[in-house]
Amino acid sequence: MTIAIKIDKLVLVKINELKLNPNNLNDHPQEQIDILVRVIQANGFRHAIVVSTRSGLVVAGHGRIIAAKILKMTHLPVSHQEFDSPEEEFQWAVADNELQKQSILNLSKVHTELINYDAFDVELLAIPNFQFEPLFAPGTEDEQGQLDQKKLEFITCPHCEKEFELGQAKVRT
């Protein structure tokens, strides 16, 4: 089975020439736009806007266009894509938005990975109410004494059946 690649070359298009789809089904709350503006400021514009060659309307990227206008950008990268029918255009636009929401961000891994990076504004991760808590904070001598007396608790991984110390990354051998 051959899968068609529908992405054409990217071109820069004047932002005021882009036609937003008046029937766009996604709402973009101000909170989302505000963080999107900050992410674009910090990292640059990294996603192309998708425009249908059939209708001439934006199919994906409405929120990014709103943010780009706030940032007073004049041109955006656009991928003009062919859709065979209004139905195909509609279903792809809905699926593009919905499929992204169905992935699950592993916050535990995000938290663990943060120790590998220099300090940055964690709000740029765009995770609502995210709080970074360092994995280790030195305590007092009294607290250390209490830790020395603490009985270790282990949990068994349901996938690999190894035992892990609760709250730690140590494997029980």
N, C-alpha and C. Protein backbone atom coordinates (compact mmCIF):
# COMPACT_ATOMS: atom_id res chain seq x y z
N MET A 1 0.85 -1.18 0.00
CA MET A 1 0.00 0.00 0.00
C MET A 1 0.89 1.24 0.00
N THR A 2 0.62 2.14 -0.91
CA THR A 2 1.38 3.37 -0.98
C THR A 2 0.58 4.50 -0.33
N ILE A 3 1.22 5.17 0.59
CA ILE A 3 0.58 6.30 1.27
C ILE A 3 1.05 7.58 0.60
N ALA A 4 0.11 8.39 0.19
CA ALA A 4 0.44 9.65 -0.48
C ALA A 4 1.01 10.65 0.52
N ILE A 5 2.03 11.34 0.11
CA ILE A 5 2.57 12.44 0.92
C ILE A 5 1.95 13.71 0.37
N LYS A 6 1.19 14.38 1.21
CA LYS A 6 0.39 15.53 0.78
C LYS A 6 1.06 16.87 1.06
N ILE A 7 2.24 16.85 1.64
CA ILE A 7 2.92 18.10 2.00
C ILE A 7 3.70 18.60 0.80
N ASP A 8 3.46 19.83 0.43
CA ASP A 8 4.20 20.46 -0.65
C ASP A 8 5.30 21.29 0.01
N LYS A 9 6.04 22.00 -0.77
CA LYS A 9 7.09 22.85 -0.21
C LYS A 9 6.48 23.95 0.66
N LEU A 10 7.26 24.42 1.61
CA LEU A 10 6.81 25.52 2.45
C LEU A 10 7.13 26.84 1.76
N VAL A 11 6.20 27.77 1.88
CA VAL A 11 6.42 29.11 1.33
C VAL A 11 6.06 30.12 2.41
N LEU A 12 6.69 31.29 2.35
CA LEU A 12 6.33 32.37 3.27
C LEU A 12 5.20 33.16 2.64
N VAL A 13 4.16 33.36 3.42
CA VAL A 13 2.97 34.07 2.95
C VAL A 13 2.71 35.23 3.89
N LYS A 14 2.27 36.35 3.32
CA LYS A 14 1.90 37.49 4.16
C LYS A 14 0.74 37.08 5.06
N ILE A 15 0.87 37.40 6.32
CA ILE A 15 -0.12 36.97 7.31
C ILE A 15 -1.51 37.52 6.98
N ASN A 16 -1.58 38.72 6.41
CA ASN A 16 -2.89 39.30 6.10
C ASN A 16 -3.51 38.69 4.84
N GLU A 17 -2.79 37.83 4.14
CA GLU A 17 -3.35 37.13 2.98
C GLU A 17 -3.95 35.78 3.35
N LEU A 18 -3.70 35.34 4.58
CA LEU A 18 -4.24 34.04 5.02
C LEU A 18 -5.72 34.20 5.35
N LYS A 19 -6.52 33.26 4.85
CA LYS A 19 -7.97 33.30 5.08
C LYS A 19 -8.32 32.27 6.16
N LEU A 20 -8.66 32.78 7.35
CA LEU A 20 -9.08 31.88 8.42
C LEU A 20 -10.39 31.21 8.05
N ASN A 21 -10.52 29.97 8.45
CA ASN A 21 -11.76 29.25 8.18
C ASN A 21 -12.82 29.74 9.15
N PRO A 22 -13.90 30.34 8.66
CA PRO A 22 -14.94 30.85 9.56
C PRO A 22 -15.64 29.73 10.34
N ASN A 23 -15.48 28.48 9.87
CA ASN A 23 -16.08 27.34 10.55
C ASN A 23 -15.06 26.53 11.35
N ASN A 24 -13.93 27.17 11.67
CA ASN A 24 -12.94 26.49 12.50
C ASN A 24 -13.60 26.00 13.77
N LEU A 25 -13.41 24.73 14.09
CA LEU A 25 -14.13 24.13 15.22
C LEU A 25 -13.39 24.27 16.55
N ASN A 26 -12.14 24.70 16.52
CA ASN A 26 -11.39 24.85 17.77
C ASN A 26 -11.52 26.27 18.29
N ASP A 27 -11.80 26.37 19.58
CA ASP A 27 -11.75 27.67 20.24
C ASP A 27 -10.35 27.84 20.80
N HIS A 28 -9.89 29.07 20.82
CA HIS A 28 -8.55 29.36 21.33
C HIS A 28 -8.68 30.35 22.47
N PRO A 29 -8.76 29.84 23.72
CA PRO A 29 -8.90 30.75 24.86
C PRO A 29 -7.67 31.64 25.00
N GLN A 30 -7.88 32.80 25.58
CA GLN A 30 -6.81 33.78 25.71
C GLN A 30 -5.60 33.20 26.45
N GLU A 31 -5.85 32.35 27.43
CA GLU A 31 -4.74 31.73 28.19
C GLU A 31 -3.85 30.91 27.25
N GLN A 32 -4.45 30.17 26.33
CA GLN A 32 -3.68 29.39 25.36
C GLN A 32 -2.87 30.32 24.45
N ILE A 33 -3.50 31.36 23.97
CA ILE A 33 -2.82 32.29 23.07
C ILE A 33 -1.66 32.98 23.80
N ASP A 34 -1.88 33.36 25.05
CA ASP A 34 -0.83 34.04 25.82
C ASP A 34 0.41 33.17 25.94
N ILE A 35 0.25 31.88 26.26
CA ILE A 35 1.42 31.01 26.39
C ILE A 35 2.01 30.71 25.02
N LEU A 36 1.17 30.60 24.00
CA LEU A 36 1.66 30.38 22.65
C LEU A 36 2.53 31.55 22.19
N VAL A 37 2.12 32.76 22.52
CA VAL A 37 2.93 33.95 22.20
C VAL A 37 4.30 33.83 22.86
N ARG A 38 4.31 33.45 24.14
CA ARG A 38 5.58 33.33 24.87
C ARG A 38 6.46 32.23 24.30
N VAL A 39 5.85 31.10 23.92
CA VAL A 39 6.62 29.99 23.36
C VAL A 39 7.22 30.40 22.02
N ILE A 40 6.46 31.08 21.19
CA ILE A 40 6.97 31.52 19.89
C ILE A 40 8.09 32.55 20.09
N GLN A 41 7.91 33.46 21.04
CA GLN A 41 8.96 34.44 21.32
C GLN A 41 10.25 33.74 21.73
N ALA A 42 10.14 32.72 22.56
CA ALA A 42 11.33 32.04 23.09
C ALA A 42 11.97 31.10 22.09
N ASN A 43 11.16 30.45 21.25
CA ASN A 43 11.67 29.38 20.39
C ASN A 43 11.55 29.63 18.90
N GLY A 44 10.91 30.71 18.52
CA GLY A 44 10.68 30.95 17.10
C GLY A 44 9.42 30.26 16.62
N PHE A 45 9.05 30.51 15.41
CA PHE A 45 7.85 29.93 14.79
C PHE A 45 8.27 28.62 14.15
N ARG A 46 7.77 27.49 14.62
CA ARG A 46 8.27 26.18 14.19
C ARG A 46 7.26 25.29 13.49
N HIS A 47 6.01 25.71 13.36
CA HIS A 47 5.00 24.91 12.67
C HIS A 47 4.47 25.69 11.49
N ALA A 48 4.34 25.00 10.37
CA ALA A 48 3.75 25.66 9.21
C ALA A 48 2.23 25.71 9.36
N ILE A 49 1.65 26.73 8.78
CA ILE A 49 0.21 26.84 8.68
C ILE A 49 -0.20 25.98 7.48
N VAL A 50 -1.28 25.21 7.63
CA VAL A 50 -1.76 24.39 6.51
C VAL A 50 -2.94 25.11 5.86
N VAL A 51 -2.81 25.32 4.54
CA VAL A 51 -3.86 25.98 3.76
C VAL A 51 -4.31 25.01 2.67
N SER A 52 -5.61 24.87 2.53
CA SER A 52 -6.18 24.00 1.51
C SER A 52 -6.10 24.67 0.14
N THR A 53 -5.57 23.91 -0.84
CA THR A 53 -5.58 24.43 -2.21
C THR A 53 -6.99 24.37 -2.79
N ARG A 54 -7.85 23.53 -2.21
CA ARG A 54 -9.23 23.40 -2.68
C ARG A 54 -10.05 24.61 -2.30
N SER A 55 -10.02 24.99 -1.01
CA SER A 55 -10.87 26.09 -0.53
C SER A 55 -10.12 27.40 -0.36
N GLY A 56 -8.80 27.32 -0.24
CA GLY A 56 -8.02 28.53 0.02
C GLY A 56 -8.03 28.94 1.48
N LEU A 57 -8.65 28.13 2.33
CA LEU A 57 -8.79 28.46 3.76
C LEU A 57 -7.72 27.78 4.60
N VAL A 58 -7.43 28.39 5.74
CA VAL A 58 -6.53 27.78 6.72
C VAL A 58 -7.24 26.54 7.27
N VAL A 59 -6.54 25.43 7.27
CA VAL A 59 -7.08 24.18 7.80
C VAL A 59 -6.46 23.87 9.16
N ALA A 60 -5.23 24.30 9.38
CA ALA A 60 -4.56 24.09 10.67
C ALA A 60 -3.63 25.28 10.93
N GLY A 61 -3.73 25.81 12.14
CA GLY A 61 -2.84 26.89 12.53
C GLY A 61 -3.53 28.16 12.97
N HIS A 62 -4.82 28.10 13.22
CA HIS A 62 -5.56 29.31 13.60
C HIS A 62 -4.99 29.97 14.85
N GLY A 63 -4.70 29.18 15.88
CA GLY A 63 -4.14 29.73 17.12
C GLY A 63 -2.78 30.35 16.89
N ARG A 64 -1.95 29.69 16.08
CA ARG A 64 -0.62 30.24 15.78
C ARG A 64 -0.73 31.55 15.02
N ILE A 65 -1.72 31.66 14.15
CA ILE A 65 -1.91 32.92 13.41
C ILE A 65 -2.30 34.04 14.37
N ILE A 66 -3.20 33.75 15.31
CA ILE A 66 -3.60 34.75 16.30
C ILE A 66 -2.38 35.22 17.09
N ALA A 67 -1.55 34.25 17.54
CA ALA A 67 -0.34 34.59 18.30
C ALA A 67 0.63 35.40 17.44
N ALA A 68 0.79 35.01 16.18
CA ALA A 68 1.71 35.72 15.29
C ALA A 68 1.26 37.16 15.06
N LYS A 69 -0.04 37.38 14.99
CA LYS A 69 -0.56 38.75 14.83
C LYS A 69 -0.24 39.59 16.07
N ILE A 70 -0.38 38.99 17.25
CA ILE A 70 -0.04 39.70 18.49
C ILE A 70 1.44 40.07 18.48
N LEU A 71 2.27 39.18 17.93
CA LEU A 71 3.71 39.42 17.86
C LEU A 71 4.09 40.33 16.68
N LYS A 72 3.08 40.78 15.95
CA LYS A 72 3.28 41.67 14.81
C LYS A 72 4.17 41.06 13.72
N MET A 73 4.04 39.73 13.55
CA MET A 73 4.75 39.06 12.47
C MET A 73 4.06 39.42 11.15
N THR A 74 4.81 39.49 10.08
CA THR A 74 4.23 39.87 8.80
C THR A 74 4.09 38.70 7.83
N HIS A 75 4.92 37.66 8.01
CA HIS A 75 4.90 36.50 7.13
C HIS A 75 4.94 35.23 7.97
N LEU A 76 4.30 34.18 7.46
CA LEU A 76 4.32 32.89 8.15
C LEU A 76 4.62 31.78 7.14
N PRO A 77 5.23 30.68 7.62
CA PRO A 77 5.46 29.54 6.72
C PRO A 77 4.14 28.81 6.48
N VAL A 78 3.88 28.51 5.22
CA VAL A 78 2.62 27.88 4.85
C VAL A 78 2.90 26.64 4.00
N SER A 79 2.14 25.59 4.28
CA SER A 79 2.14 24.40 3.46
C SER A 79 0.78 24.35 2.78
N HIS A 80 0.76 24.56 1.46
CA HIS A 80 -0.47 24.43 0.70
C HIS A 80 -0.69 22.95 0.43
N GLN A 81 -1.86 22.44 0.80
CA GLN A 81 -2.11 21.01 0.66
C GLN A 81 -3.41 20.75 -0.07
N GLU A 82 -3.39 19.69 -0.87
CA GLU A 82 -4.57 19.33 -1.65
C GLU A 82 -5.49 18.43 -0.83
N PHE A 83 -6.77 18.75 -0.89
CA PHE A 83 -7.82 17.92 -0.30
C PHE A 83 -8.78 17.60 -1.43
N ASP A 84 -9.18 16.34 -1.53
CA ASP A 84 -10.02 15.90 -2.65
C ASP A 84 -11.46 16.35 -2.55
N SER A 85 -11.89 16.68 -1.33
CA SER A 85 -13.30 17.04 -1.16
C SER A 85 -13.45 17.88 0.10
N PRO A 86 -14.60 18.57 0.24
CA PRO A 86 -14.85 19.30 1.48
C PRO A 86 -14.86 18.36 2.69
N GLU A 87 -15.33 17.12 2.48
CA GLU A 87 -15.38 16.16 3.58
C GLU A 87 -13.98 15.78 4.06
N GLU A 88 -13.08 15.56 3.11
CA GLU A 88 -11.71 15.21 3.48
C GLU A 88 -11.04 16.36 4.23
N GLU A 89 -11.26 17.56 3.76
CA GLU A 89 -10.70 18.75 4.41
C GLU A 89 -11.22 18.88 5.84
N PHE A 90 -12.53 18.68 6.00
CA PHE A 90 -13.16 18.77 7.32
C PHE A 90 -12.64 17.70 8.25
N GLN A 91 -12.65 16.44 7.79
CA GLN A 91 -12.22 15.35 8.68
C GLN A 91 -10.76 15.49 9.06
N TRP A 92 -9.90 15.93 8.14
CA TRP A 92 -8.49 16.09 8.48
C TRP A 92 -8.30 17.20 9.51
N ALA A 93 -9.02 18.31 9.34
CA ALA A 93 -8.89 19.43 10.29
C ALA A 93 -9.32 19.00 11.69
N VAL A 94 -10.42 18.27 11.79
CA VAL A 94 -10.89 17.81 13.10
C VAL A 94 -9.90 16.80 13.67
N ALA A 95 -9.49 15.82 12.86
CA ALA A 95 -8.56 14.79 13.33
C ALA A 95 -7.23 15.40 13.76
N ASP A 96 -6.74 16.39 13.01
CA ASP A 96 -5.46 17.03 13.36
C ASP A 96 -5.51 17.61 14.76
N ASN A 97 -6.61 18.24 15.10
CA ASN A 97 -6.76 18.82 16.44
C ASN A 97 -7.00 17.74 17.49
N GLU A 98 -7.85 16.80 17.19
CA GLU A 98 -8.25 15.81 18.19
C GLU A 98 -7.15 14.80 18.49
N LEU A 99 -6.44 14.34 17.48
CA LEU A 99 -5.40 13.34 17.71
C LEU A 99 -4.32 13.86 18.65
N GLN A 100 -3.98 15.12 18.53
CA GLN A 100 -2.97 15.69 19.41
C GLN A 100 -3.43 15.66 20.86
N LYS A 101 -4.72 15.87 21.09
CA LYS A 101 -5.25 15.85 22.46
C LYS A 101 -5.26 14.44 23.04
N GLN A 102 -5.22 13.42 22.20
CA GLN A 102 -5.30 12.05 22.69
C GLN A 102 -3.96 11.49 23.16
N SER A 103 -2.87 12.19 22.85
CA SER A 103 -1.59 11.74 23.39
C SER A 103 -1.55 12.13 24.87
N ILE A 104 -0.72 11.42 25.63
CA ILE A 104 -0.65 11.66 27.06
C ILE A 104 0.78 12.05 27.41
N LEU A 105 0.93 13.24 27.91
CA LEU A 105 2.24 13.73 28.31
C LEU A 105 2.61 13.08 29.64
N ASN A 106 3.76 12.42 29.68
CA ASN A 106 4.22 11.75 30.89
C ASN A 106 4.90 12.79 31.77
N LEU A 107 4.14 13.34 32.71
CA LEU A 107 4.65 14.42 33.57
C LEU A 107 5.78 13.93 34.46
N SER A 108 5.77 12.68 34.82
CA SER A 108 6.86 12.14 35.63
C SER A 108 8.18 12.20 34.86
N LYS A 109 8.14 11.82 33.58
CA LYS A 109 9.35 11.89 32.76
C LYS A 109 9.78 13.33 32.53
N VAL A 110 8.81 14.22 32.32
CA VAL A 110 9.15 15.64 32.15
C VAL A 110 9.89 16.12 33.39
N HIS A 111 9.36 15.80 34.54
CA HIS A 111 9.96 16.22 35.81
C HIS A 111 11.37 15.67 35.94
N THR A 112 11.54 14.39 35.65
CA THR A 112 12.85 13.75 35.75
C THR A 112 13.83 14.35 34.74
N GLU A 113 13.38 14.61 33.53
CA GLU A 113 14.26 15.15 32.48
C GLU A 113 14.72 16.58 32.77
N LEU A 114 13.93 17.33 33.50
CA LEU A 114 14.28 18.72 33.77
C LEU A 114 15.64 18.88 34.44
N ILE A 115 16.06 17.89 35.21
CA ILE A 115 17.36 18.01 35.89
C ILE A 115 18.52 18.00 34.90
N ASN A 116 18.27 17.58 33.66
CA ASN A 116 19.33 17.52 32.65
C ASN A 116 19.56 18.85 31.93
N TYR A 117 18.75 19.86 32.25
CA TYR A 117 18.82 21.11 31.52
C TYR A 117 19.15 22.27 32.43
N ASP A 118 19.76 23.30 31.83
CA ASP A 118 19.99 24.53 32.57
C ASP A 118 18.65 25.16 32.88
N ALA A 119 18.66 26.07 33.82
CA ALA A 119 17.42 26.72 34.24
C ALA A 119 16.76 27.45 33.07
N PHE A 120 15.46 27.33 32.99
CA PHE A 120 14.66 28.09 32.02
C PHE A 120 13.27 28.24 32.60
N ASP A 121 12.48 29.07 31.98
CA ASP A 121 11.12 29.34 32.46
C ASP A 121 10.24 28.13 32.14
N VAL A 122 9.84 27.37 33.17
CA VAL A 122 9.05 26.15 32.94
C VAL A 122 7.67 26.46 32.38
N GLU A 123 7.23 27.71 32.44
CA GLU A 123 5.95 28.05 31.81
C GLU A 123 6.02 27.84 30.30
N LEU A 124 7.23 27.86 29.73
CA LEU A 124 7.39 27.64 28.30
C LEU A 124 7.13 26.19 27.90
N LEU A 125 6.95 25.32 28.89
CA LEU A 125 6.54 23.95 28.60
C LEU A 125 5.05 23.89 28.27
N ALA A 126 4.32 24.96 28.59
CA ALA A 126 2.88 25.08 28.31
C ALA A 126 2.04 24.04 29.06
N ILE A 127 2.54 23.59 30.21
CA ILE A 127 1.80 22.64 31.03
C ILE A 127 1.09 23.45 32.12
N PRO A 128 -0.24 23.47 32.11
CA PRO A 128 -0.96 24.28 33.10
C PRO A 128 -0.59 23.89 34.54
N ASN A 129 -0.32 24.89 35.35
CA ASN A 129 -0.05 24.73 36.79
C ASN A 129 1.13 23.81 37.09
N PHE A 130 2.08 23.69 36.18
CA PHE A 130 3.24 22.82 36.41
C PHE A 130 4.17 23.45 37.44
N GLN A 131 4.57 22.66 38.41
CA GLN A 131 5.52 23.10 39.43
C GLN A 131 6.70 22.14 39.42
N PHE A 132 7.89 22.70 39.24
CA PHE A 132 9.08 21.85 39.29
C PHE A 132 9.54 21.75 40.73
N GLU A 133 9.68 20.52 41.19
CA GLU A 133 10.18 20.28 42.53
C GLU A 133 11.46 19.48 42.40
N PRO A 134 12.58 20.04 42.85
CA PRO A 134 13.84 19.30 42.74
C PRO A 134 13.73 17.93 43.39
N LEU A 135 14.42 16.96 42.79
CA LEU A 135 14.35 15.60 43.30
C LEU A 135 15.08 15.45 44.63
N PHE A 136 15.99 16.36 44.92
CA PHE A 136 16.74 16.26 46.16
C PHE A 136 16.90 17.64 46.77
N ALA A 137 16.58 17.73 48.02
CA ALA A 137 16.83 18.95 48.77
C ALA A 137 17.46 18.55 50.09
N PRO A 138 18.62 19.10 50.42
CA PRO A 138 19.27 18.70 51.67
C PRO A 138 18.39 19.04 52.86
N GLY A 139 18.40 18.18 53.86
CA GLY A 139 17.63 18.40 55.06
C GLY A 139 18.52 18.67 56.26
N THR A 140 17.89 18.77 57.39
CA THR A 140 18.63 19.01 58.63
C THR A 140 19.20 17.68 59.13
N GLU A 141 20.09 17.75 60.13
CA GLU A 141 20.64 16.53 60.71
C GLU A 141 19.53 15.70 61.35
N ASP A 142 18.55 16.37 61.96
CA ASP A 142 17.45 15.66 62.59
C ASP A 142 16.64 14.90 61.53
N GLU A 143 16.38 15.57 60.39
CA GLU A 143 15.64 14.91 59.31
C GLU A 143 16.43 13.72 58.77
N GLN A 144 17.76 13.87 58.66
CA GLN A 144 18.58 12.77 58.17
C GLN A 144 18.49 11.58 59.11
N GLY A 145 18.50 11.84 60.42
CA GLY A 145 18.38 10.76 61.40
C GLY A 145 17.06 10.03 61.25
N GLN A 146 15.99 10.77 60.96
CA GLN A 146 14.69 10.14 60.76
C GLN A 146 14.69 9.28 59.50
N LEU A 147 15.39 9.74 58.47
CA LEU A 147 15.47 8.96 57.23
C LEU A 147 16.23 7.67 57.45
N ASP A 148 17.29 7.73 58.29
CA ASP A 148 18.07 6.53 58.56
C ASP A 148 17.22 5.46 59.23
N GLN A 149 16.20 5.86 59.98
CA GLN A 149 15.35 4.92 60.70
C GLN A 149 14.13 4.47 59.88
N LYS A 150 13.91 5.12 58.77
CA LYS A 150 12.73 4.83 57.97
C LYS A 150 12.84 3.46 57.32
N LYS A 151 11.75 2.71 57.40
CA LYS A 151 11.71 1.41 56.75
C LYS A 151 11.45 1.62 55.25
N LEU A 152 12.23 0.95 54.42
CA LEU A 152 12.07 1.08 52.98
C LEU A 152 10.80 0.39 52.52
N GLU A 153 10.11 1.02 51.59
CA GLU A 153 8.91 0.43 51.00
C GLU A 153 9.18 0.18 49.53
N PHE A 154 8.72 -0.96 49.04
CA PHE A 154 8.93 -1.31 47.65
C PHE A 154 7.59 -1.54 46.96
N ILE A 155 7.59 -1.25 45.66
CA ILE A 155 6.42 -1.56 44.83
C ILE A 155 6.89 -2.42 43.67
N THR A 156 6.01 -3.23 43.17
CA THR A 156 6.34 -4.12 42.05
C THR A 156 5.76 -3.54 40.77
N CYS A 157 6.62 -3.44 39.77
CA CYS A 157 6.18 -2.94 38.46
C CYS A 157 5.26 -3.99 37.83
N PRO A 158 4.06 -3.57 37.40
CA PRO A 158 3.13 -4.54 36.80
C PRO A 158 3.59 -5.04 35.43
N HIS A 159 4.55 -4.35 34.82
CA HIS A 159 4.99 -4.73 33.48
C HIS A 159 6.21 -5.67 33.52
N CYS A 160 7.22 -5.28 34.29
CA CYS A 160 8.44 -6.08 34.30
C CYS A 160 8.59 -6.91 35.57
N GLU A 161 7.73 -6.66 36.57
CA GLU A 161 7.71 -7.37 37.84
C GLU A 161 8.95 -7.15 38.70
N LYS A 162 9.76 -6.14 38.37
CA LYS A 162 10.89 -5.78 39.24
C LYS A 162 10.34 -4.95 40.40
N GLU A 163 11.06 -4.99 41.51
CA GLU A 163 10.66 -4.20 42.66
C GLU A 163 11.46 -2.90 42.67
N PHE A 164 10.77 -1.80 42.95
CA PHE A 164 11.39 -0.49 43.03
C PHE A 164 11.12 0.11 44.39
N GLU A 165 12.15 0.81 44.92
CA GLU A 165 11.96 1.50 46.18
C GLU A 165 10.97 2.64 45.94
N LEU A 166 9.96 2.71 46.76
CA LEU A 166 8.92 3.72 46.61
C LEU A 166 9.53 5.11 46.68
N GLY A 167 9.30 5.91 45.67
CA GLY A 167 9.82 7.27 45.63
C GLY A 167 11.24 7.37 45.13
N GLN A 168 11.84 6.28 44.74
CA GLN A 168 13.22 6.28 44.26
C GLN A 168 13.29 5.55 42.93
N ALA A 169 14.45 5.58 42.33
CA ALA A 169 14.65 4.88 41.08
C ALA A 169 15.60 3.70 41.30
N LYS A 170 15.57 3.10 42.47
CA LYS A 170 16.45 1.99 42.77
C LYS A 170 15.69 0.68 42.58
N VAL A 171 16.32 -0.26 41.89
CA VAL A 171 15.73 -1.57 41.66
C VAL A 171 16.19 -2.50 42.77
N ARG A 172 15.27 -3.25 43.32
CA ARG A 172 15.61 -4.23 44.35
C ARG A 172 16.13 -5.48 43.66
N THR A 173 17.30 -5.91 44.07
CA THR A 173 17.87 -7.10 43.44
C THR A 173 17.80 -8.29 44.37
